[in-house]
Amino acid sequence: MHLTIEKTGAREWDEAHLKELFSEGFPEFITADRLVKQYIGRVREFFADLDLMLVDEDGVPVASGWGVPIRWDGRPNPCPRAAPRRWSAPWRDMSGASPPTPW
């Protein structure tokens, strides 16, 4: 099987394919935390370059993923252990409507 990676916003996706792909919903670590719920709506808006689809040779999406950049100096102590802290990190110093920068 040949797979490629595409940005999610690069084209229109067949609704039936998306429905199948997301039929099981989001993992509990995303839906169970209030901090994640607070920020998740802005993730695709601010980090569209990190919103990706894995697509098979027929153009059908088989996986989806997105990321939130964090600053990290390489030491283990400052790296947030819990998902909610990682989610909120890019917005901690943010003011206004501009997206945060991780570097």
PDB file of N, CA and C in Angstrom:
ATOM      1  N   MET A   1       0.841  -1.181   0.000  1.00  0.00           N
ATOM      2  CA  MET A   1       0.000   0.000   0.000  1.00  0.00           C
ATOM      3  C   MET A   1       0.888   1.247   0.000  1.00  0.00           C
ATOM      4  N   HIS A   2       0.605   2.158  -0.897  1.00  0.00           N
ATOM      5  CA  HIS A   2       1.331   3.414  -0.992  1.00  0.00           C
ATOM      6  C   HIS A   2       0.515   4.499  -0.282  1.00  0.00           C
ATOM      7  N   LEU A   3       1.127   5.171   0.683  1.00  0.00           N
ATOM      8  CA  LEU A   3       0.453   6.227   1.430  1.00  0.00           C
ATOM      9  C   LEU A   3       1.169   7.555   1.231  1.00  0.00           C
ATOM     10  N   THR A   4       0.401   8.628   1.224  1.00  0.00           N
ATOM     11  CA  THR A   4       0.971   9.966   1.131  1.00  0.00           C
ATOM     12  C   THR A   4       0.390  10.826   2.246  1.00  0.00           C
ATOM     13  N   ILE A   5       1.056  11.933   2.517  1.00  0.00           N
ATOM     14  CA  ILE A   5       0.603  12.884   3.532  1.00  0.00           C
ATOM     15  C   ILE A   5       0.181  14.155   2.826  1.00  0.00           C
ATOM     16  N   GLU A   6      -0.981  14.662   3.193  1.00  0.00           N
ATOM     17  CA  GLU A   6      -1.487  15.922   2.638  1.00  0.00           C
ATOM     18  C   GLU A   6      -1.963  16.814   3.772  1.00  0.00           C
ATOM     19  N   LYS A   7      -1.867  18.112   3.563  1.00  0.00           N
ATOM     20  CA  LYS A   7      -2.483  19.032   4.511  1.00  0.00           C
ATOM     21  C   LYS A   7      -3.991  18.870   4.406  1.00  0.00           C
ATOM     22  N   THR A   8      -4.653  18.858   5.542  1.00  0.00           N
ATOM     23  CA  THR A   8      -6.094  18.643   5.559  1.00  0.00           C
ATOM     24  C   THR A   8      -6.836  19.695   4.746  1.00  0.00           C
ATOM     25  N   GLY A   9      -6.393  20.920   4.799  1.00  0.00           N
ATOM     26  CA  GLY A   9      -7.064  21.998   4.086  1.00  0.00           C
ATOM     27  C   GLY A   9      -6.700  22.118   2.617  1.00  0.00           C
ATOM     28  N   ALA A  10      -5.897  21.192   2.108  1.00  0.00           N
ATOM     29  CA  ALA A  10      -5.428  21.292   0.721  1.00  0.00           C
ATOM     30  C   ALA A  10      -6.512  20.992  -0.308  1.00  0.00           C
ATOM     31  N   ARG A  11      -7.566  20.275   0.106  1.00  0.00           N
ATOM     32  CA  ARG A  11      -8.628  19.945  -0.841  1.00  0.00           C
ATOM     33  C   ARG A  11      -9.898  19.587  -0.078  1.00  0.00           C
ATOM     34  N   GLU A  12     -10.965  19.413  -0.828  1.00  0.00           N
ATOM     35  CA  GLU A  12     -12.231  18.969  -0.246  1.00  0.00           C
ATOM     36  C   GLU A  12     -12.167  17.448  -0.073  1.00  0.00           C
ATOM     37  N   TRP A  13     -12.720  16.956   1.021  1.00  0.00           N
ATOM     38  CA  TRP A  13     -12.725  15.523   1.301  1.00  0.00           C
ATOM     39  C   TRP A  13     -14.141  14.985   1.198  1.00  0.00           C
ATOM     40  N   ASP A  14     -14.277  13.779   0.711  1.00  0.00           N
ATOM     41  CA  ASP A  14     -15.567  13.120   0.600  1.00  0.00           C
ATOM     42  C   ASP A  14     -16.150  12.941   2.007  1.00  0.00           C
ATOM     43  N   GLU A  15     -17.371  13.411   2.212  1.00  0.00           N
ATOM     44  CA  GLU A  15     -18.006  13.353   3.534  1.00  0.00           C
ATOM     45  C   GLU A  15     -18.124  11.927   4.059  1.00  0.00           C
ATOM     46  N   ALA A  16     -18.414  10.975   3.183  1.00  0.00           N
ATOM     47  CA  ALA A  16     -18.527   9.578   3.610  1.00  0.00           C
ATOM     48  C   ALA A  16     -17.188   9.052   4.131  1.00  0.00           C
ATOM     49  N   HIS A  17     -16.096   9.446   3.485  1.00  0.00           N
ATOM     50  CA  HIS A  17     -14.773   9.021   3.935  1.00  0.00           C
ATOM     51  C   HIS A  17     -14.448   9.626   5.292  1.00  0.00           C
ATOM     52  N   LEU A  18     -14.774  10.906   5.475  1.00  0.00           N
ATOM     53  CA  LEU A  18     -14.509  11.558   6.760  1.00  0.00           C
ATOM     54  C   LEU A  18     -15.350  10.954   7.875  1.00  0.00           C
ATOM     55  N   LYS A  19     -16.598  10.660   7.564  1.00  0.00           N
ATOM     56  CA  LYS A  19     -17.482  10.050   8.563  1.00  0.00           C
ATOM     57  C   LYS A  19     -16.910   8.716   9.032  1.00  0.00           C
ATOM     58  N   GLU A  20     -16.432   7.918   8.090  1.00  0.00           N
ATOM     59  CA  GLU A  20     -15.822   6.630   8.437  1.00  0.00           C
ATOM     60  C   GLU A  20     -14.548   6.831   9.252  1.00  0.00           C
ATOM     61  N   LEU A  21     -13.712   7.766   8.820  1.00  0.00           N
ATOM     62  CA  LEU A  21     -12.439   8.018   9.493  1.00  0.00           C
ATOM     63  C   LEU A  21     -12.645   8.432  10.944  1.00  0.00           C
ATOM     64  N   PHE A  22     -13.628   9.278  11.197  1.00  0.00           N
ATOM     65  CA  PHE A  22     -13.842   9.811  12.551  1.00  0.00           C
ATOM     66  C   PHE A  22     -14.985   9.123  13.295  1.00  0.00           C
ATOM     67  N   SER A  23     -15.397   7.949  12.846  1.00  0.00           N
ATOM     68  CA  SER A  23     -16.558   7.269  13.424  1.00  0.00           C
ATOM     69  C   SER A  23     -16.384   6.903  14.894  1.00  0.00           C
ATOM     70  N   GLU A  24     -15.159   6.735  15.343  1.00  0.00           N
ATOM     71  CA  GLU A  24     -14.931   6.375  16.743  1.00  0.00           C
ATOM     72  C   GLU A  24     -14.718   7.595  17.625  1.00  0.00           C
ATOM     73  N   GLY A  25     -14.762   8.788  17.073  1.00  0.00           N
ATOM     74  CA  GLY A  25     -14.583  10.000  17.864  1.00  0.00           C
ATOM     75  C   GLY A  25     -13.134  10.248  18.232  1.00  0.00           C
ATOM     76  N   PHE A  26     -12.947  11.232  19.113  1.00  0.00           N
ATOM     77  CA  PHE A  26     -11.608  11.592  19.565  1.00  0.00           C
ATOM     78  C   PHE A  26     -11.208  10.734  20.759  1.00  0.00           C
ATOM     79  N   PRO A  27      -9.918  10.521  20.949  1.00  0.00           N
ATOM     80  CA  PRO A  27      -9.449   9.779  22.125  1.00  0.00           C
ATOM     81  C   PRO A  27      -9.847  10.498  23.423  1.00  0.00           C
ATOM     82  N   GLU A  28     -10.001   9.735  24.488  1.00  0.00           N
ATOM     83  CA  GLU A  28     -10.455  10.290  25.766  1.00  0.00           C
ATOM     84  C   GLU A  28      -9.545  11.399  26.295  1.00  0.00           C
ATOM     85  N   PHE A  29      -8.222  11.302  26.063  1.00  0.00           N
ATOM     86  CA  PHE A  29      -7.337  12.336  26.590  1.00  0.00           C
ATOM     87  C   PHE A  29      -7.622  13.706  25.974  1.00  0.00           C
ATOM     88  N   ILE A  30      -8.283  13.741  24.841  1.00  0.00           N
ATOM     89  CA  ILE A  30      -8.648  15.010  24.217  1.00  0.00           C
ATOM     90  C   ILE A  30      -9.997  15.496  24.728  1.00  0.00           C
ATOM     91  N   THR A  31     -10.957  14.614  24.828  1.00  0.00           N
ATOM     92  CA  THR A  31     -12.324  15.025  25.163  1.00  0.00           C
ATOM     93  C   THR A  31     -12.583  15.149  26.657  1.00  0.00           C
ATOM     94  N   ALA A  32     -11.746  14.570  27.497  1.00  0.00           N
ATOM     95  CA  ALA A  32     -12.035  14.532  28.930  1.00  0.00           C
ATOM     96  C   ALA A  32     -11.501  15.735  29.709  1.00  0.00           C
ATOM     97  N   ASP A  33     -10.702  16.557  29.118  1.00  0.00           N
ATOM     98  CA  ASP A  33     -10.064  17.628  29.867  1.00  0.00           C
ATOM     99  C   ASP A  33     -10.583  19.005  29.478  1.00  0.00           C
ATOM    100  N   ARG A  34     -10.900  19.824  30.460  1.00  0.00           N
ATOM    101  CA  ARG A  34     -11.458  21.155  30.193  1.00  0.00           C
ATOM    102  C   ARG A  34     -10.467  22.080  29.481  1.00  0.00           C
ATOM    103  N   LEU A  35      -9.165  21.968  29.771  1.00  0.00           N
ATOM    104  CA  LEU A  35      -8.187  22.826  29.098  1.00  0.00           C
ATOM    105  C   LEU A  35      -8.111  22.503  27.613  1.00  0.00           C
ATOM    106  N   VAL A  36      -8.158  21.236  27.277  1.00  0.00           N
ATOM    107  CA  VAL A  36      -8.148  20.849  25.874  1.00  0.00           C
ATOM    108  C   VAL A  36      -9.378  21.423  25.186  1.00  0.00           C
ATOM    109  N   LYS A  37     -10.534  21.292  25.823  1.00  0.00           N
ATOM    110  CA  LYS A  37     -11.762  21.826  25.246  1.00  0.00           C
ATOM    111  C   LYS A  37     -11.663  23.333  25.024  1.00  0.00           C
ATOM    112  N   GLN A  38     -10.964  24.010  25.905  1.00  0.00           N
ATOM    113  CA  GLN A  38     -10.814  25.464  25.794  1.00  0.00           C
ATOM    114  C   GLN A  38     -10.008  25.866  24.556  1.00  0.00           C
ATOM    115  N   TYR A  39      -9.014  25.080  24.184  1.00  0.00           N
ATOM    116  CA  TYR A  39      -8.106  25.465  23.105  1.00  0.00           C
ATOM    117  C   TYR A  39      -8.324  24.740  21.776  1.00  0.00           C
ATOM    118  N   ILE A  40      -8.996  23.614  21.786  1.00  0.00           N
ATOM    119  CA  ILE A  40      -9.043  22.771  20.592  1.00  0.00           C
ATOM    120  C   ILE A  40      -9.660  23.481  19.381  1.00  0.00           C
ATOM    121  N   GLY A  41     -10.606  24.376  19.605  1.00  0.00           N
ATOM    122  CA  GLY A  41     -11.228  25.069  18.490  1.00  0.00           C
ATOM    123  C   GLY A  41     -10.271  25.929  17.689  1.00  0.00           C
ATOM    124  N   ARG A  42      -9.208  26.401  18.332  1.00  0.00           N
ATOM    125  CA  ARG A  42      -8.246  27.269  17.646  1.00  0.00           C
ATOM    126  C   ARG A  42      -7.070  26.525  17.032  1.00  0.00           C
ATOM    127  N   VAL A  43      -6.933  25.249  17.350  1.00  0.00           N
ATOM    128  CA  VAL A  43      -5.774  24.490  16.862  1.00  0.00           C
ATOM    129  C   VAL A  43      -5.710  24.490  15.343  1.00  0.00           C
ATOM    130  N   ARG A  44      -6.804  24.129  14.690  1.00  0.00           N
ATOM    131  CA  ARG A  44      -6.786  24.078  13.223  1.00  0.00           C
ATOM    132  C   ARG A  44      -6.631  25.456  12.608  1.00  0.00           C
ATOM    133  N   GLU A  45      -7.150  26.468  13.268  1.00  0.00           N
ATOM    134  CA  GLU A  45      -7.029  27.830  12.755  1.00  0.00           C
ATOM    135  C   GLU A  45      -5.579  28.315  12.814  1.00  0.00           C
ATOM    136  N   PHE A  46      -4.931  28.153  13.959  1.00  0.00           N
ATOM    137  CA  PHE A  46      -3.587  28.689  14.152  1.00  0.00           C
ATOM    138  C   PHE A  46      -2.479  27.778  13.635  1.00  0.00           C
ATOM    139  N   PHE A  47      -2.713  26.482  13.607  1.00  0.00           N
ATOM    140  CA  PHE A  47      -1.659  25.533  13.238  1.00  0.00           C
ATOM    141  C   PHE A  47      -2.076  24.670  12.051  1.00  0.00           C
ATOM    142  N   ALA A  48      -2.626  25.297  11.032  1.00  0.00           N
ATOM    143  CA  ALA A  48      -3.091  24.568   9.845  1.00  0.00           C
ATOM    144  C   ALA A  48      -1.969  23.767   9.187  1.00  0.00           C
ATOM    145  N   ASP A  49      -0.741  24.238   9.285  1.00  0.00           N
ATOM    146  CA  ASP A  49       0.384  23.508   8.690  1.00  0.00           C
ATOM    147  C   ASP A  49       0.656  22.192   9.400  1.00  0.00           C
ATOM    148  N   LEU A  50       0.105  22.028  10.594  1.00  0.00           N
ATOM    149  CA  LEU A  50       0.303  20.796  11.359  1.00  0.00           C
ATOM    150  C   LEU A  50      -0.948  19.924  11.371  1.00  0.00           C
ATOM    151  N   ASP A  51      -1.928  20.244  10.532  1.00  0.00           N
ATOM    152  CA  ASP A  51      -3.177  19.491  10.407  1.00  0.00           C
ATOM    153  C   ASP A  51      -3.055  18.646   9.138  1.00  0.00           C
ATOM    154  N   LEU A  52      -2.857  17.341   9.307  1.00  0.00           N
ATOM    155  CA  LEU A  52      -2.484  16.476   8.191  1.00  0.00           C
ATOM    156  C   LEU A  52      -3.408  15.275   8.035  1.00  0.00           C
ATOM    157  N   MET A  53      -3.466  14.752   6.808  1.00  0.00           N
ATOM    158  CA  MET A  53      -4.191  13.523   6.497  1.00  0.00           C
ATOM    159  C   MET A  53      -3.207  12.539   5.868  1.00  0.00           C
ATOM    160  N   LEU A  54      -3.323  11.287   6.265  1.00  0.00           N
ATOM    161  CA  LEU A  54      -2.612  10.197   5.619  1.00  0.00           C
ATOM    162  C   LEU A  54      -3.594   9.593   4.622  1.00  0.00           C
ATOM    163  N   VAL A  55      -3.201   9.540   3.361  1.00  0.00           N
ATOM    164  CA  VAL A  55      -4.110   9.193   2.274  1.00  0.00           C
ATOM    165  C   VAL A  55      -3.586   7.962   1.536  1.00  0.00           C
ATOM    166  N   ASP A  56      -4.503   7.025   1.222  1.00  0.00           N
ATOM    167  CA  ASP A  56      -4.086   5.831   0.483  1.00  0.00           C
ATOM    168  C   ASP A  56      -3.998   6.123  -1.015  1.00  0.00           C
ATOM    169  N   GLU A  57      -3.640   5.104  -1.790  1.00  0.00           N
ATOM    170  CA  GLU A  57      -3.423   5.305  -3.232  1.00  0.00           C
ATOM    171  C   GLU A  57      -4.694   5.662  -3.990  1.00  0.00           C
ATOM    172  N   ASP A  58      -5.865   5.454  -3.376  1.00  0.00           N
ATOM    173  CA  ASP A  58      -7.131   5.830  -4.021  1.00  0.00           C
ATOM    174  C   ASP A  58      -7.614   7.220  -3.587  1.00  0.00           C
ATOM    175  N   GLY A  59      -6.799   7.914  -2.809  1.00  0.00           N
ATOM    176  CA  GLY A  59      -7.174   9.251  -2.347  1.00  0.00           C
ATOM    177  C   GLY A  59      -8.087   9.248  -1.138  1.00  0.00           C
ATOM    178  N   VAL A  60      -8.211   8.099  -0.473  1.00  0.00           N
ATOM    179  CA  VAL A  60      -9.080   7.979   0.692  1.00  0.00           C
ATOM    180  C   VAL A  60      -8.257   8.243   1.958  1.00  0.00           C
ATOM    181  N   PRO A  61      -8.714   9.150   2.833  1.00  0.00           N
ATOM    182  CA  PRO A  61      -7.977   9.386   4.077  1.00  0.00           C
ATOM    183  C   PRO A  61      -8.085   8.180   5.003  1.00  0.00           C
ATOM    184  N   VAL A  62      -6.945   7.733   5.507  1.00  0.00           N
ATOM    185  CA  VAL A  62      -6.914   6.575   6.404  1.00  0.00           C
ATOM    186  C   VAL A  62      -6.495   6.951   7.820  1.00  0.00           C
ATOM    187  N   ALA A  63      -5.979   8.163   8.001  1.00  0.00           N
ATOM    188  CA  ALA A  63      -5.611   8.653   9.327  1.00  0.00           C
ATOM    189  C   ALA A  63      -5.529  10.172   9.268  1.00  0.00           C
ATOM    190  N   SER A  64      -5.718  10.779  10.421  1.00  0.00           N
ATOM    191  CA  SER A  64      -5.648  12.228  10.531  1.00  0.00           C
ATOM    192  C   SER A  64      -4.890  12.580  11.796  1.00  0.00           C
ATOM    193  N   GLY A  65      -4.184  13.666  11.741  1.00  0.00           N
ATOM    194  CA  GLY A  65      -3.458  14.098  12.930  1.00  0.00           C
ATOM    195  C   GLY A  65      -3.150  15.572  12.862  1.00  0.00           C
ATOM    196  N   TRP A  66      -3.003  16.181  14.022  1.00  0.00           N
ATOM    197  CA  TRP A  66      -2.621  17.573  14.086  1.00  0.00           C
ATOM    198  C   TRP A  66      -1.782  17.780  15.318  1.00  0.00           C
ATOM    199  N   GLY A  67      -1.033  18.833  15.313  1.00  0.00           N
ATOM    200  CA  GLY A  67      -0.116  19.069  16.415  1.00  0.00           C
ATOM    201  C   GLY A  67      -0.193  20.485  16.929  1.00  0.00           C
ATOM    202  N   VAL A  68       0.335  20.638  18.110  1.00  0.00           N
ATOM    203  CA  VAL A  68       0.468  21.942  18.751  1.00  0.00           C
ATOM    204  C   VAL A  68       1.944  22.093  19.097  1.00  0.00           C
ATOM    205  N   PRO A  69       2.611  23.068  18.520  1.00  0.00           N
ATOM    206  CA  PRO A  69       4.041  23.233  18.807  1.00  0.00           C
ATOM    207  C   PRO A  69       4.254  23.718  20.240  1.00  0.00           C
ATOM    208  N   ILE A  70       5.310  23.244  20.841  1.00  0.00           N
ATOM    209  CA  ILE A  70       5.680  23.720  22.171  1.00  0.00           C
ATOM    210  C   ILE A  70       7.140  24.133  22.159  1.00  0.00           C
ATOM    211  N   ARG A  71       7.485  25.054  23.032  1.00  0.00           N
ATOM    212  CA  ARG A  71       8.887  25.410  23.209  1.00  0.00           C
ATOM    213  C   ARG A  71       9.513  24.374  24.124  1.00  0.00           C
ATOM    214  N   TRP A  72      10.740  23.992  23.807  1.00  0.00           N
ATOM    215  CA  TRP A  72      11.434  23.028  24.643  1.00  0.00           C
ATOM    216  C   TRP A  72      12.919  23.248  24.507  1.00  0.00           C
ATOM    217  N   ASP A  73      13.601  23.336  25.633  1.00  0.00           N
ATOM    218  CA  ASP A  73      15.039  23.578  25.602  1.00  0.00           C
ATOM    219  C   ASP A  73      15.855  22.287  25.645  1.00  0.00           C
ATOM    220  N   GLY A  74      15.200  21.136  25.567  1.00  0.00           N
ATOM    221  CA  GLY A  74      15.888  19.857  25.551  1.00  0.00           C
ATOM    222  C   GLY A  74      16.002  19.195  26.911  1.00  0.00           C
ATOM    223  N   ARG A  75      15.739  19.941  27.969  1.00  0.00           N
ATOM    224  CA  ARG A  75      15.792  19.367  29.314  1.00  0.00           C
ATOM    225  C   ARG A  75      14.443  18.725  29.645  1.00  0.00           C
ATOM    226  N   PRO A  76      14.456  17.614  30.386  1.00  0.00           N
ATOM    227  CA  PRO A  76      13.188  16.941  30.680  1.00  0.00           C
ATOM    228  C   PRO A  76      12.282  17.703  31.645  1.00  0.00           C
ATOM    229  N   ASN A  77      12.799  18.482  32.552  1.00  0.00           N
ATOM    230  CA  ASN A  77      11.964  19.139  33.559  1.00  0.00           C
ATOM    231  C   ASN A  77      10.971  20.153  33.014  1.00  0.00           C
ATOM    232  N   PRO A  78      11.345  21.027  32.073  1.00  0.00           N
ATOM    233  CA  PRO A  78      10.357  22.007  31.606  1.00  0.00           C
ATOM    234  C   PRO A  78       9.296  21.436  30.665  1.00  0.00           C
ATOM    235  N   CYS A  79       9.510  20.227  30.164  1.00  0.00           N
ATOM    236  CA  CYS A  79       8.562  19.648  29.222  1.00  0.00           C
ATOM    237  C   CYS A  79       7.308  19.202  29.972  1.00  0.00           C
ATOM    238  N   PRO A  80       6.133  19.755  29.612  1.00  0.00           N
ATOM    239  CA  PRO A  80       4.905  19.368  30.317  1.00  0.00           C
ATOM    240  C   PRO A  80       4.611  17.883  30.150  1.00  0.00           C
ATOM    241  N   ARG A  81       4.268  17.224  31.251  1.00  0.00           N
ATOM    242  CA  ARG A  81       3.981  15.791  31.197  1.00  0.00           C
ATOM    243  C   ARG A  81       2.553  15.516  30.778  1.00  0.00           C
ATOM    244  N   ALA A  82       1.648  16.372  31.168  1.00  0.00           N
ATOM    245  CA  ALA A  82       0.228  16.126  30.899  1.00  0.00           C
ATOM    246  C   ALA A  82      -0.200  16.805  29.608  1.00  0.00           C
ATOM    247  N   ALA A  83      -1.088  16.154  28.874  1.00  0.00           N
ATOM    248  CA  ALA A  83      -1.591  16.710  27.617  1.00  0.00           C
ATOM    249  C   ALA A  83      -2.186  18.106  27.786  1.00  0.00           C
ATOM    250  N   PRO A  84      -2.974  18.385  28.824  1.00  0.00           N
ATOM    251  CA  PRO A  84      -3.558  19.722  28.955  1.00  0.00           C
ATOM    252  C   PRO A  84      -2.519  20.827  29.047  1.00  0.00           C
ATOM    253  N   ARG A  85      -1.425  20.587  29.737  1.00  0.00           N
ATOM    254  CA  ARG A  85      -0.382  21.621  29.826  1.00  0.00           C
ATOM    255  C   ARG A  85       0.287  21.824  28.475  1.00  0.00           C
ATOM    256  N   ARG A  86       0.463  20.747  27.710  1.00  0.00           N
ATOM    257  CA  ARG A  86       1.038  20.900  26.370  1.00  0.00           C
ATOM    258  C   ARG A  86       0.105  21.712  25.489  1.00  0.00           C
ATOM    259  N   TRP A  87      -1.196  21.475  25.635  1.00  0.00           N
ATOM    260  CA  TRP A  87      -2.169  22.204  24.825  1.00  0.00           C
ATOM    261  C   TRP A  87      -2.172  23.686  25.147  1.00  0.00           C
ATOM    262  N   SER A  88      -2.046  24.014  26.414  1.00  0.00           N
ATOM    263  CA  SER A  88      -2.168  25.421  26.800  1.00  0.00           C
ATOM    264  C   SER A  88      -0.864  26.187  26.622  1.00  0.00           C
ATOM    265  N   ALA A  89       0.265  25.497  26.527  1.00  0.00           N
ATOM    266  CA  ALA A  89       1.561  26.166  26.443  1.00  0.00           C
ATOM    267  C   ALA A  89       1.656  27.211  25.331  1.00  0.00           C
ATOM    268  N   PRO A  90       1.216  26.934  24.109  1.00  0.00           N
ATOM    269  CA  PRO A  90       1.377  27.942  23.057  1.00  0.00           C
ATOM    270  C   PRO A  90       0.580  29.222  23.289  1.00  0.00           C
ATOM    271  N   TRP A  91      -0.447  29.154  24.131  1.00  0.00           N
ATOM    272  CA  TRP A  91      -1.282  30.332  24.341  1.00  0.00           C
ATOM    273  C   TRP A  91      -0.946  31.105  25.610  1.00  0.00           C
ATOM    274  N   ARG A  92      -0.057  30.602  26.427  1.00  0.00           N
ATOM    275  CA  ARG A  92       0.218  31.244  27.714  1.00  0.00           C
ATOM    276  C   ARG A  92       0.664  32.694  27.573  1.00  0.00           C
ATOM    277  N   ASP A  93       1.522  32.969  26.601  1.00  0.00           N
ATOM    278  CA  ASP A  93       2.045  34.326  26.432  1.00  0.00           C
ATOM    279  C   ASP A  93       1.337  35.091  25.329  1.00  0.00           C
ATOM    280  N   MET A  94       0.275  34.533  24.828  1.00  0.00           N
ATOM    281  CA  MET A  94      -0.406  35.118  23.679  1.00  0.00           C
ATOM    282  C   MET A  94      -1.302  36.279  24.097  1.00  0.00           C
ATOM    283  N   SER A  95      -1.235  37.333  23.341  1.00  0.00           N
ATOM    284  CA  SER A  95      -2.160  38.438  23.536  1.00  0.00           C
ATOM    285  C   SER A  95      -2.716  38.805  22.171  1.00  0.00           C
ATOM    286  N   GLY A  96      -3.956  39.180  22.106  1.00  0.00           N
ATOM    287  CA  GLY A  96      -4.574  39.504  20.830  1.00  0.00           C
ATOM    288  C   GLY A  96      -4.969  38.256  20.066  1.00  0.00           C
ATOM    289  N   ALA A  97      -5.169  38.404  18.774  1.00  0.00           N
ATOM    290  CA  ALA A  97      -5.680  37.316  17.958  1.00  0.00           C
ATOM    291  C   ALA A  97      -4.615  36.627  17.129  1.00  0.00           C
ATOM    292  N   SER A  98      -3.370  37.057  17.233  1.00  0.00           N
ATOM    293  CA  SER A  98      -2.339  36.445  16.399  1.00  0.00           C
ATOM    294  C   SER A  98      -1.929  35.095  16.969  1.00  0.00           C
ATOM    295  N   PRO A  99      -1.560  34.164  16.104  1.00  0.00           N
ATOM    296  CA  PRO A  99      -1.164  32.850  16.581  1.00  0.00           C
ATOM    297  C   PRO A  99       0.152  32.899  17.349  1.00  0.00           C
ATOM    298  N   PRO A 100       0.310  32.025  18.342  1.00  0.00           N
ATOM    299  CA  PRO A 100       1.571  31.977  19.073  1.00  0.00           C
ATOM    300  C   PRO A 100       2.675  31.377  18.228  1.00  0.00           C
ATOM    301  N   THR A 101       3.902  31.680  18.565  1.00  0.00           N
ATOM    302  CA  THR A 101       5.037  31.106  17.853  1.00  0.00           C
ATOM    303  C   THR A 101       5.828  30.236  18.823  1.00  0.00           C
ATOM    304  N   PRO A 102       6.188  29.026  18.408  1.00  0.00           N
ATOM    305  CA  PRO A 102       6.879  28.126  19.306  1.00  0.00           C
ATOM    306  C   PRO A 102       8.377  28.369  19.387  1.00  0.00           C
ATOM    307  N   TRP A 103       8.949  29.218  18.566  1.00  0.00           N
ATOM    308  CA  TRP A 103      10.378  29.443  18.592  1.00  0.00           C
ATOM    309  C   TRP A 103      10.724  30.892  18.699  1.00  0.00           C
TER     310      TRP A 103
END
